Amino acid sequence: FGAGTFWGWNVLGELIIVGPFIYCHKLLTAMN
């Protein structure tokens, strides 16, 4: 997990619609 996860899944992932959900899952898992 890192800044690349943010830019890849949250920002660019918006193009495939589910990207921000994947980022959110990874963020919540990392914080857990």
PDB file of all heavy atoms in Angstrom:
ATOM      1  N   PHE A   1       0.861  -1.175   0.000  1.00  0.00           N
ATOM      2  CA  PHE A   1       0.000   0.000   0.000  1.00  0.00           C
ATOM      3  C   PHE A   1       0.899   1.225   0.000  1.00  0.00           C
ATOM      4  O   PHE A   1       1.951   1.229   0.629  1.00  0.00           O
ATOM      5  CB  PHE A   1      -0.893   0.015   1.249  1.00  0.00           C
ATOM      6  CG  PHE A   1      -1.924   1.103   1.225  1.00  0.00           C
ATOM      7  CD1 PHE A   1      -3.114   0.928   0.551  1.00  0.00           C
ATOM      8  CD2 PHE A   1      -1.706   2.322   1.850  1.00  0.00           C
ATOM      9  CE1 PHE A   1      -4.071   1.930   0.500  1.00  0.00           C
ATOM     10  CE2 PHE A   1      -2.644   3.326   1.815  1.00  0.00           C
ATOM     11  CZ  PHE A   1      -3.833   3.127   1.144  1.00  0.00           C
ATOM     12  N   GLY A   2       0.494   2.273  -0.714  1.00  0.00           N
ATOM     13  CA  GLY A   2       1.283   3.496  -0.741  1.00  0.00           C
ATOM     14  C   GLY A   2       0.655   4.529  -1.647  1.00  0.00           C
ATOM     15  O   GLY A   2      -0.514   4.417  -2.053  1.00  0.00           O
ATOM     16  N   ALA A   3       1.429   5.534  -1.996  1.00  0.00           N
ATOM     17  CA  ALA A   3       0.931   6.610  -2.842  1.00  0.00           C
ATOM     18  C   ALA A   3       0.565   6.099  -4.238  1.00  0.00           C
ATOM     19  O   ALA A   3      -0.381   6.586  -4.854  1.00  0.00           O
ATOM     20  CB  ALA A   3       1.966   7.731  -2.940  1.00  0.00           C
ATOM     21  N   GLY A   4       1.289   5.099  -4.726  1.00  0.00           N
ATOM     22  CA  GLY A   4       0.962   4.512  -6.023  1.00  0.00           C
ATOM     23  C   GLY A   4      -0.406   3.847  -6.016  1.00  0.00           C
ATOM     24  O   GLY A   4      -1.123   3.858  -7.031  1.00  0.00           O
ATOM     25  N   THR A   5      -0.789   3.298  -4.869  1.00  0.00           N
ATOM     26  CA  THR A   5      -2.122   2.709  -4.724  1.00  0.00           C
ATOM     27  C   THR A   5      -3.183   3.789  -4.857  1.00  0.00           C
ATOM     28  O   THR A   5      -4.213   3.588  -5.507  1.00  0.00           O
ATOM     29  CB  THR A   5      -2.249   2.016  -3.355  1.00  0.00           C
ATOM     30  OG1 THR A   5      -1.163   1.115  -3.178  1.00  0.00           O
ATOM     31  CG2 THR A   5      -3.559   1.264  -3.239  1.00  0.00           C
ATOM     32  N   PHE A   6      -2.918   4.945  -4.258  1.00  0.00           N
ATOM     33  CA  PHE A   6      -3.861   6.066  -4.345  1.00  0.00           C
ATOM     34  C   PHE A   6      -4.040   6.519  -5.787  1.00  0.00           C
ATOM     35  O   PHE A   6      -5.162   6.637  -6.283  1.00  0.00           O
ATOM     36  CB  PHE A   6      -3.384   7.234  -3.477  1.00  0.00           C
ATOM     37  CG  PHE A   6      -4.170   8.499  -3.685  1.00  0.00           C
ATOM     38  CD1 PHE A   6      -5.447   8.625  -3.180  1.00  0.00           C
ATOM     39  CD2 PHE A   6      -3.639   9.563  -4.400  1.00  0.00           C
ATOM     40  CE1 PHE A   6      -6.184   9.786  -3.369  1.00  0.00           C
ATOM     41  CE2 PHE A   6      -4.357  10.717  -4.603  1.00  0.00           C
ATOM     42  CZ  PHE A   6      -5.639  10.833  -4.080  1.00  0.00           C
ATOM     43  N   TRP A   7      -2.922   6.773  -6.482  1.00  0.00           N
ATOM     44  CA  TRP A   7      -3.012   7.290  -7.847  1.00  0.00           C
ATOM     45  C   TRP A   7      -3.525   6.235  -8.819  1.00  0.00           C
ATOM     46  O   TRP A   7      -4.287   6.548  -9.735  1.00  0.00           O
ATOM     47  CB  TRP A   7      -1.659   7.833  -8.298  1.00  0.00           C
ATOM     48  CG  TRP A   7      -1.298   9.079  -7.580  1.00  0.00           C
ATOM     49  CD1 TRP A   7      -0.376   9.200  -6.586  1.00  0.00           C
ATOM     50  CD2 TRP A   7      -1.879  10.367  -7.742  1.00  0.00           C
ATOM     51  NE1 TRP A   7      -0.347  10.493  -6.129  1.00  0.00           N
ATOM     52  CE2 TRP A   7      -1.255  11.237  -6.827  1.00  0.00           C
ATOM     53  CE3 TRP A   7      -2.871  10.889  -8.571  1.00  0.00           C
ATOM     54  CZ2 TRP A   7      -1.575  12.581  -6.719  1.00  0.00           C
ATOM     55  CZ3 TRP A   7      -3.193  12.233  -8.464  1.00  0.00           C
ATOM     56  CH2 TRP A   7      -2.548  13.061  -7.550  1.00  0.00           C
ATOM     57  N   GLY A   8      -3.135   4.998  -8.617  1.00  0.00           N
ATOM     58  CA  GLY A   8      -3.561   3.946  -9.530  1.00  0.00           C
ATOM     59  C   GLY A   8      -5.021   3.559  -9.373  1.00  0.00           C
ATOM     60  O   GLY A   8      -5.771   3.542 -10.345  1.00  0.00           O
ATOM     61  N   TRP A   9      -5.411   3.256  -8.143  1.00  0.00           N
ATOM     62  CA  TRP A   9      -6.780   2.780  -7.942  1.00  0.00           C
ATOM     63  C   TRP A   9      -7.776   3.905  -7.737  1.00  0.00           C
ATOM     64  O   TRP A   9      -8.877   3.879  -8.287  1.00  0.00           O
ATOM     65  CB  TRP A   9      -6.846   1.811  -6.759  1.00  0.00           C
ATOM     66  CG  TRP A   9      -6.293   0.476  -7.086  1.00  0.00           C
ATOM     67  CD1 TRP A   9      -5.182  -0.104  -6.551  1.00  0.00           C
ATOM     68  CD2 TRP A   9      -6.804  -0.463  -8.027  1.00  0.00           C
ATOM     69  NE1 TRP A   9      -4.968  -1.329  -7.104  1.00  0.00           N
ATOM     70  CE2 TRP A   9      -5.964  -1.578  -8.010  1.00  0.00           C
ATOM     71  CE3 TRP A   9      -7.895  -0.473  -8.890  1.00  0.00           C
ATOM     72  CZ2 TRP A   9      -6.173  -2.694  -8.821  1.00  0.00           C
ATOM     73  CZ3 TRP A   9      -8.112  -1.575  -9.687  1.00  0.00           C
ATOM     74  CH2 TRP A   9      -7.264  -2.668  -9.653  1.00  0.00           C
ATOM     75  N   ASN A  10      -7.446   4.899  -6.933  1.00  0.00           N
ATOM     76  CA  ASN A  10      -8.435   5.931  -6.615  1.00  0.00           C
ATOM     77  C   ASN A  10      -8.600   6.956  -7.737  1.00  0.00           C
ATOM     78  O   ASN A  10      -9.718   7.355  -8.056  1.00  0.00           O
ATOM     79  CB  ASN A  10      -8.076   6.632  -5.308  1.00  0.00           C
ATOM     80  CG  ASN A  10      -9.232   7.409  -4.722  1.00  0.00           C
ATOM     81  OD1 ASN A  10     -10.351   6.916  -4.690  1.00  0.00           O
ATOM     82  ND2 ASN A  10      -8.957   8.609  -4.274  1.00  0.00           N
ATOM     83  N   VAL A  11      -7.515   7.392  -8.326  1.00  0.00           N
ATOM     84  CA  VAL A  11      -7.602   8.439  -9.344  1.00  0.00           C
ATOM     85  C   VAL A  11      -7.807   7.830 -10.738  1.00  0.00           C
ATOM     86  O   VAL A  11      -8.829   8.070 -11.384  1.00  0.00           O
ATOM     87  CB  VAL A  11      -6.359   9.351  -9.309  1.00  0.00           C
ATOM     88  CG1 VAL A  11      -6.424  10.407 -10.386  1.00  0.00           C
ATOM     89  CG2 VAL A  11      -6.236  10.022  -7.934  1.00  0.00           C
ATOM     90  N   LEU A  12      -6.852   7.036 -11.204  1.00  0.00           N
ATOM     91  CA  LEU A  12      -6.991   6.430 -12.534  1.00  0.00           C
ATOM     92  C   LEU A  12      -8.066   5.345 -12.561  1.00  0.00           C
ATOM     93  O   LEU A  12      -8.673   5.104 -13.596  1.00  0.00           O
ATOM     94  CB  LEU A  12      -5.650   5.852 -12.995  1.00  0.00           C
ATOM     95  CG  LEU A  12      -4.555   6.880 -13.265  1.00  0.00           C
ATOM     96  CD1 LEU A  12      -3.258   6.191 -13.626  1.00  0.00           C
ATOM     97  CD2 LEU A  12      -4.975   7.854 -14.349  1.00  0.00           C
ATOM     98  N   GLY A  13      -8.300   4.717 -11.415  1.00  0.00           N
ATOM     99  CA  GLY A  13      -9.310   3.667 -11.332  1.00  0.00           C
ATOM    100  C   GLY A  13     -10.723   4.167 -11.542  1.00  0.00           C
ATOM    101  O   GLY A  13     -11.640   3.369 -11.772  1.00  0.00           O
ATOM    102  N   GLU A  14     -10.916   5.476 -11.477  1.00  0.00           N
ATOM    103  CA  GLU A  14     -12.242   6.025 -11.753  1.00  0.00           C
ATOM    104  C   GLU A  14     -12.684   5.715 -13.187  1.00  0.00           C
ATOM    105  O   GLU A  14     -13.882   5.654 -13.465  1.00  0.00           O
ATOM    106  CB  GLU A  14     -12.258   7.536 -11.525  1.00  0.00           C
ATOM    107  CG  GLU A  14     -12.176   7.921 -10.068  1.00  0.00           C
ATOM    108  CD  GLU A  14     -12.156   9.416  -9.852  1.00  0.00           C
ATOM    109  OE1 GLU A  14     -12.121  10.176 -10.840  1.00  0.00           O
ATOM    110  OE2 GLU A  14     -12.168   9.833  -8.684  1.00  0.00           O
ATOM    111  N   LEU A  15     -11.722   5.504 -14.059  1.00  0.00           N
ATOM    112  CA  LEU A  15     -12.051   5.176 -15.447  1.00  0.00           C
ATOM    113  C   LEU A  15     -12.755   3.826 -15.576  1.00  0.00           C
ATOM    114  O   LEU A  15     -13.533   3.620 -16.501  1.00  0.00           O
ATOM    115  CB  LEU A  15     -10.787   5.192 -16.305  1.00  0.00           C
ATOM    116  CG  LEU A  15     -10.067   6.540 -16.407  1.00  0.00           C
ATOM    117  CD1 LEU A  15      -8.749   6.371 -17.143  1.00  0.00           C
ATOM    118  CD2 LEU A  15     -10.946   7.568 -17.074  1.00  0.00           C
ATOM    119  N   ILE A  16     -12.477   2.915 -14.658  1.00  0.00           N
ATOM    120  CA  ILE A  16     -13.143   1.608 -14.688  1.00  0.00           C
ATOM    121  C   ILE A  16     -14.221   1.512 -13.603  1.00  0.00           C
ATOM    122  O   ILE A  16     -14.707   0.430 -13.311  1.00  0.00           O
ATOM    123  CB  ILE A  16     -12.134   0.457 -14.555  1.00  0.00           C
ATOM    124  CG1 ILE A  16     -11.357   0.546 -13.252  1.00  0.00           C
ATOM    125  CG2 ILE A  16     -11.214   0.402 -15.755  1.00  0.00           C
ATOM    126  CD1 ILE A  16     -10.524  -0.681 -12.932  1.00  0.00           C
ATOM    127  N   ILE A  17     -14.574   2.595 -13.001  1.00  0.00           N
ATOM    128  CA  ILE A  17     -15.647   2.771 -12.017  1.00  0.00           C
ATOM    129  C   ILE A  17     -15.366   2.095 -10.672  1.00  0.00           C
ATOM    130  O   ILE A  17     -15.611   2.694  -9.637  1.00  0.00           O
ATOM    131  CB  ILE A  17     -17.024   2.330 -12.586  1.00  0.00           C
ATOM    132  CG1 ILE A  17     -17.345   3.184 -13.808  1.00  0.00           C
ATOM    133  CG2 ILE A  17     -18.120   2.431 -11.540  1.00  0.00           C
ATOM    134  CD1 ILE A  17     -18.555   2.755 -14.567  1.00  0.00           C
ATOM    135  N   VAL A  18     -14.844   0.877 -10.642  1.00  0.00           N
ATOM    136  CA  VAL A  18     -14.641   0.171  -9.380  1.00  0.00           C
ATOM    137  C   VAL A  18     -13.314   0.513  -8.700  1.00  0.00           C
ATOM    138  O   VAL A  18     -13.085   0.107  -7.557  1.00  0.00           O
ATOM    139  CB  VAL A  18     -14.737  -1.361  -9.569  1.00  0.00           C
ATOM    140  CG1 VAL A  18     -16.108  -1.763 -10.020  1.00  0.00           C
ATOM    141  CG2 VAL A  18     -13.657  -1.858 -10.507  1.00  0.00           C
ATOM    142  N   GLY A  19     -12.449   1.258  -9.357  1.00  0.00           N
ATOM    143  CA  GLY A  19     -11.142   1.595  -8.812  1.00  0.00           C
ATOM    144  C   GLY A  19     -11.189   2.236  -7.435  1.00  0.00           C
ATOM    145  O   GLY A  19     -10.484   1.804  -6.525  1.00  0.00           O
ATOM    146  N   PRO A  20     -12.006   3.284  -7.235  1.00  0.00           N
ATOM    147  CA  PRO A  20     -12.061   3.896  -5.907  1.00  0.00           C
ATOM    148  C   PRO A  20     -12.548   2.942  -4.812  1.00  0.00           C
ATOM    149  O   PRO A  20     -12.128   3.054  -3.659  1.00  0.00           O
ATOM    150  CB  PRO A  20     -13.043   5.052  -6.094  1.00  0.00           C
ATOM    151  CG  PRO A  20     -12.915   5.409  -7.536  1.00  0.00           C
ATOM    152  CD  PRO A  20     -12.694   4.098  -8.231  1.00  0.00           C
ATOM    153  N   PHE A  21     -13.382   1.974  -5.163  1.00  0.00           N
ATOM    154  CA  PHE A  21     -13.827   0.986  -4.176  1.00  0.00           C
ATOM    155  C   PHE A  21     -12.675   0.059  -3.790  1.00  0.00           C
ATOM    156  O   PHE A  21     -12.534  -0.311  -2.619  1.00  0.00           O
ATOM    157  CB  PHE A  21     -15.010   0.182  -4.713  1.00  0.00           C
ATOM    158  CG  PHE A  21     -16.243   1.016  -4.924  1.00  0.00           C
ATOM    159  CD1 PHE A  21     -16.653   1.326  -6.206  1.00  0.00           C
ATOM    160  CD2 PHE A  21     -16.975   1.494  -3.852  1.00  0.00           C
ATOM    161  CE1 PHE A  21     -17.785   2.103  -6.415  1.00  0.00           C
ATOM    162  CE2 PHE A  21     -18.102   2.264  -4.048  1.00  0.00           C
ATOM    163  CZ  PHE A  21     -18.513   2.579  -5.332  1.00  0.00           C
ATOM    164  N   ILE A  22     -11.862  -0.303  -4.767  1.00  0.00           N
ATOM    165  CA  ILE A  22     -10.695  -1.145  -4.488  1.00  0.00           C
ATOM    166  C   ILE A  22      -9.709  -0.379  -3.612  1.00  0.00           C
ATOM    167  O   ILE A  22      -9.167  -0.921  -2.643  1.00  0.00           O
ATOM    168  CB  ILE A  22     -10.036  -1.625  -5.799  1.00  0.00           C
ATOM    169  CG1 ILE A  22     -10.991  -2.563  -6.532  1.00  0.00           C
ATOM    170  CG2 ILE A  22      -8.697  -2.296  -5.538  1.00  0.00           C
ATOM    171  CD1 ILE A  22     -10.565  -2.932  -7.921  1.00  0.00           C
ATOM    172  N   TYR A  23      -9.487   0.900  -3.940  1.00  0.00           N
ATOM    173  CA  TYR A  23      -8.596   1.718  -3.104  1.00  0.00           C
ATOM    174  C   TYR A  23      -9.133   1.808  -1.678  1.00  0.00           C
ATOM    175  O   TYR A  23      -8.373   1.654  -0.714  1.00  0.00           O
ATOM    176  CB  TYR A  23      -8.436   3.130  -3.683  1.00  0.00           C
ATOM    177  CG  TYR A  23      -7.745   4.059  -2.710  1.00  0.00           C
ATOM    178  CD1 TYR A  23      -6.375   3.966  -2.493  1.00  0.00           C
ATOM    179  CD2 TYR A  23      -8.470   4.994  -1.976  1.00  0.00           C
ATOM    180  CE1 TYR A  23      -5.738   4.785  -1.583  1.00  0.00           C
ATOM    181  CE2 TYR A  23      -7.845   5.818  -1.068  1.00  0.00           C
ATOM    182  CZ  TYR A  23      -6.481   5.710  -0.873  1.00  0.00           C
ATOM    183  OH  TYR A  23      -5.866   6.515   0.040  1.00  0.00           O
ATOM    184  N   CYS A  24     -10.417   2.051  -1.534  1.00  0.00           N
ATOM    185  CA  CYS A  24     -11.028   2.168  -0.210  1.00  0.00           C
ATOM    186  C   CYS A  24     -10.851   0.865   0.575  1.00  0.00           C
ATOM    187  O   CYS A  24     -10.517   0.889   1.764  1.00  0.00           O
ATOM    188  CB  CYS A  24     -12.498   2.538  -0.345  1.00  0.00           C
ATOM    189  SG  CYS A  24     -13.289   2.891   1.224  1.00  0.00           S
ATOM    190  N   HIS A  25     -11.053  -0.264  -0.088  1.00  0.00           N
ATOM    191  CA  HIS A  25     -10.854  -1.563   0.571  1.00  0.00           C
ATOM    192  C   HIS A  25      -9.399  -1.715   1.033  1.00  0.00           C
ATOM    193  O   HIS A  25      -9.133  -2.149   2.156  1.00  0.00           O
ATOM    194  CB  HIS A  25     -11.232  -2.703  -0.373  1.00  0.00           C
ATOM    195  CG  HIS A  25     -10.827  -4.047   0.132  1.00  0.00           C
ATOM    196  ND1 HIS A  25     -11.435  -4.648   1.208  1.00  0.00           N
ATOM    197  CD2 HIS A  25      -9.849  -4.899  -0.278  1.00  0.00           C
ATOM    198  CE1 HIS A  25     -10.856  -5.811   1.437  1.00  0.00           C
ATOM    199  NE2 HIS A  25      -9.888  -5.983   0.538  1.00  0.00           N
ATOM    200  N   LYS A  26      -8.459  -1.365   0.162  1.00  0.00           N
ATOM    201  CA  LYS A  26      -7.045  -1.468   0.512  1.00  0.00           C
ATOM    202  C   LYS A  26      -6.678  -0.510   1.649  1.00  0.00           C
ATOM    203  O   LYS A  26      -5.907  -0.871   2.539  1.00  0.00           O
ATOM    204  CB  LYS A  26      -6.174  -1.225  -0.716  1.00  0.00           C
ATOM    205  CG  LYS A  26      -6.274  -2.352  -1.754  1.00  0.00           C
ATOM    206  CD  LYS A  26      -5.447  -2.099  -2.975  1.00  0.00           C
ATOM    207  CE  LYS A  26      -4.011  -2.415  -2.823  1.00  0.00           C
ATOM    208  NZ  LYS A  26      -3.632  -3.765  -2.468  1.00  0.00           N
ATOM    209  N   LEU A  27      -7.246   0.693   1.645  1.00  0.00           N
ATOM    210  CA  LEU A  27      -6.999   1.661   2.716  1.00  0.00           C
ATOM    211  C   LEU A  27      -7.521   1.141   4.054  1.00  0.00           C
ATOM    212  O   LEU A  27      -6.817   1.187   5.069  1.00  0.00           O
ATOM    213  CB  LEU A  27      -7.657   3.003   2.375  1.00  0.00           C
ATOM    214  CG  LEU A  27      -7.655   4.073   3.466  1.00  0.00           C
ATOM    215  CD1 LEU A  27      -6.236   4.544   3.744  1.00  0.00           C
ATOM    216  CD2 LEU A  27      -8.539   5.235   3.061  1.00  0.00           C
ATOM    217  N   LEU A  28      -8.750   0.640   4.054  1.00  0.00           N
ATOM    218  CA  LEU A  28      -9.346   0.136   5.292  1.00  0.00           C
ATOM    219  C   LEU A  28      -8.579  -1.085   5.799  1.00  0.00           C
ATOM    220  O   LEU A  28      -8.355  -1.217   7.008  1.00  0.00           O
ATOM    221  CB  LEU A  28     -10.819  -0.191   5.066  1.00  0.00           C
ATOM    222  CG  LEU A  28     -11.725   0.992   4.716  1.00  0.00           C
ATOM    223  CD1 LEU A  28     -13.124   0.518   4.372  1.00  0.00           C
ATOM    224  CD2 LEU A  28     -11.765   2.020   5.818  1.00  0.00           C
ATOM    225  N   THR A  29      -8.157  -1.961   4.901  1.00  0.00           N
ATOM    226  CA  THR A  29      -7.372  -3.128   5.297  1.00  0.00           C
ATOM    227  C   THR A  29      -6.030  -2.713   5.879  1.00  0.00           C
ATOM    228  O   THR A  29      -5.602  -3.242   6.917  1.00  0.00           O
ATOM    229  CB  THR A  29      -7.157  -4.073   4.092  1.00  0.00           C
ATOM    230  OG1 THR A  29      -8.435  -4.461   3.593  1.00  0.00           O
ATOM    231  CG2 THR A  29      -6.360  -5.297   4.477  1.00  0.00           C
ATOM    232  N   ALA A  30      -5.359  -1.776   5.236  1.00  0.00           N
ATOM    233  CA  ALA A  30      -4.065  -1.295   5.740  1.00  0.00           C
ATOM    234  C   ALA A  30      -4.209  -0.688   7.127  1.00  0.00           C
ATOM    235  O   ALA A  30      -3.395  -0.941   8.024  1.00  0.00           O
ATOM    236  CB  ALA A  30      -3.462  -0.278   4.762  1.00  0.00           C
ATOM    237  N   MET A  31      -5.250   0.100   7.327  1.00  0.00           N
ATOM    238  CA  MET A  31      -5.462   0.716   8.646  1.00  0.00           C
ATOM    239  C   MET A  31      -5.842  -0.322   9.692  1.00  0.00           C
ATOM    240  O   MET A  31      -5.452  -0.200  10.859  1.00  0.00           O
ATOM    241  CB  MET A  31      -6.508   1.825   8.561  1.00  0.00           C
ATOM    242  CG  MET A  31      -5.985   3.093   7.946  1.00  0.00           C
ATOM    243  SD  MET A  31      -4.477   3.753   8.722  1.00  0.00           S
ATOM    244  CE  MET A  31      -5.046   4.090  10.384  1.00  0.00           C
ATOM    245  N   ASN A  32      -6.594  -1.362   9.317  1.00  0.00           N
ATOM    246  CA  ASN A  32      -6.896  -2.444  10.258  1.00  0.00           C
ATOM    247  C   ASN A  32      -5.618  -3.158  10.689  1.00  0.00           C
ATOM    248  O   ASN A  32      -5.434  -3.464  11.872  1.00  0.00           O
ATOM    249  CB  ASN A  32      -7.872  -3.447   9.647  1.00  0.00           C
ATOM    250  CG  ASN A  32      -9.291  -2.939   9.619  1.00  0.00           C
ATOM    251  OD1 ASN A  32      -9.661  -2.023  10.353  1.00  0.00           O
ATOM    252  ND2 ASN A  32     -10.100  -3.533   8.760  1.00  0.00           N
TER     253      ASN A  32
END
